[in-house]
Amino acid sequence: PGMKAAMSSAGEANCAMIGGSLSAARQLDGSVIGMCALPNGKRCSEQSLAAGSCGSY
């Protein structure tokens, strides 16, 4: 349950809007970030997705 809380609703909406699915990914330092699995098979952090730096979907 705690991992879901790390993802923003905006990140989830952005990911869903492009046909992706959002999940949580634990980092080496123990922090958790939202990752969007894109339709083309690539994964992108929700921060990078919001910044527009994930390339084409």
C-alpha atoms as a PDB file:
ATOM      1  CA  PRO A   1       0.000   0.000   0.000  1.00  0.00           C
ATOM      2  CA  GLY A   2       2.803   2.463   0.791  1.00  0.00           C
ATOM      3  CA  MET A   3       4.321   2.094  -2.673  1.00  0.00           C
ATOM      4  CA  LYS A   4       1.142   3.283  -4.381  1.00  0.00           C
ATOM      5  CA  ALA A   5       1.193   6.497  -2.340  1.00  0.00           C
ATOM      6  CA  ALA A   6       4.495   7.515  -3.938  1.00  0.00           C
ATOM      7  CA  MET A   7       2.844   7.989  -7.330  1.00  0.00           C
ATOM      8  CA  SER A   8       1.028  11.223  -8.120  1.00  0.00           C
ATOM      9  CA  SER A   9      -2.435  11.268  -9.606  1.00  0.00           C
ATOM     10  CA  ALA A  10      -1.108  13.581 -12.346  1.00  0.00           C
ATOM     11  CA  GLY A  11       1.586  11.047 -13.213  1.00  0.00           C
ATOM     12  CA  GLU A  12      -0.978   8.280 -13.313  1.00  0.00           C
ATOM     13  CA  ALA A  13      -3.253  10.358 -15.560  1.00  0.00           C
ATOM     14  CA  ASN A  14      -0.378  11.275 -17.920  1.00  0.00           C
ATOM     15  CA  CYS A  15       0.667   7.641 -18.197  1.00  0.00           C
ATOM     16  CA  ALA A  16      -2.895   6.418 -18.811  1.00  0.00           C
ATOM     17  CA  MET A  17      -3.488   9.165 -21.393  1.00  0.00           C
ATOM     18  CA  ILE A  18      -0.739   7.745 -23.631  1.00  0.00           C
ATOM     19  CA  GLY A  19      -1.896   4.157 -23.156  1.00  0.00           C
ATOM     20  CA  GLY A  20       0.666   3.156 -20.536  1.00  0.00           C
ATOM     21  CA  SER A  21       0.322   1.600 -17.109  1.00  0.00           C
ATOM     22  CA  LEU A  22       1.831   3.066 -13.962  1.00  0.00           C
ATOM     23  CA  SER A  23       3.605   0.980 -11.346  1.00  0.00           C
ATOM     24  CA  ALA A  24       5.951   1.575  -8.431  1.00  0.00           C
ATOM     25  CA  ALA A  25       9.681   0.924  -8.664  1.00  0.00           C
ATOM     26  CA  ARG A  26      11.950   0.743  -5.617  1.00  0.00           C
ATOM     27  CA  GLN A  27      15.295   2.472  -6.068  1.00  0.00           C
ATOM     28  CA  LEU A  28      18.643   1.316  -4.654  1.00  0.00           C
ATOM     29  CA  ASP A  29      18.409   3.950  -1.911  1.00  0.00           C
ATOM     30  CA  GLY A  30      15.033   2.540  -0.802  1.00  0.00           C
ATOM     31  CA  SER A  31      12.930   5.338  -2.270  1.00  0.00           C
ATOM     32  CA  VAL A  32       9.978   4.514  -4.503  1.00  0.00           C
ATOM     33  CA  ILE A  33       9.164   6.236  -7.794  1.00  0.00           C
ATOM     34  CA  GLY A  34       6.326   5.859 -10.265  1.00  0.00           C
ATOM     35  CA  MET A  35       7.270   4.196 -13.532  1.00  0.00           C
ATOM     36  CA  CYS A  36       5.108   4.246 -16.648  1.00  0.00           C
ATOM     37  CA  ALA A  37       5.254   1.183 -18.892  1.00  0.00           C
ATOM     38  CA  LEU A  38       4.763   2.720 -22.331  1.00  0.00           C
ATOM     39  CA  PRO A  39       2.870   1.022 -25.193  1.00  0.00           C
ATOM     40  CA  ASN A  40       6.151   0.582 -27.122  1.00  0.00           C
ATOM     41  CA  GLY A  41       7.599  -1.530 -24.282  1.00  0.00           C
ATOM     42  CA  LYS A  42       9.845   1.164 -22.803  1.00  0.00           C
ATOM     43  CA  ARG A  43       9.628   2.336 -19.205  1.00  0.00           C
ATOM     44  CA  CYS A  44       9.828   5.950 -18.139  1.00  0.00           C
ATOM     45  CA  SER A  45       9.702   7.599 -14.709  1.00  0.00           C
ATOM     46  CA  GLU A  46       6.626   9.733 -14.135  1.00  0.00           C
ATOM     47  CA  GLN A  47       8.930  12.734 -13.560  1.00  0.00           C
ATOM     48  CA  SER A  48      10.561  12.259 -16.983  1.00  0.00           C
ATOM     49  CA  LEU A  49       7.149  11.708 -18.556  1.00  0.00           C
ATOM     50  CA  ALA A  50       5.890  14.999 -17.089  1.00  0.00           C
ATOM     51  CA  ALA A  51       9.027  16.778 -18.346  1.00  0.00           C
ATOM     52  CA  GLY A  52       8.488  15.399 -21.857  1.00  0.00           C
ATOM     53  CA  SER A  53      11.855  13.648 -21.931  1.00  0.00           C
ATOM     54  CA  CYS A  54      10.659  10.100 -22.652  1.00  0.00           C
ATOM     55  CA  GLY A  55      10.832  10.369 -26.430  1.00  0.00           C
ATOM     56  CA  SER A  56       8.138   8.878 -28.626  1.00  0.00           C
ATOM     57  CA  TYR A  57       5.608   6.432 -27.241  1.00  0.00           C
END
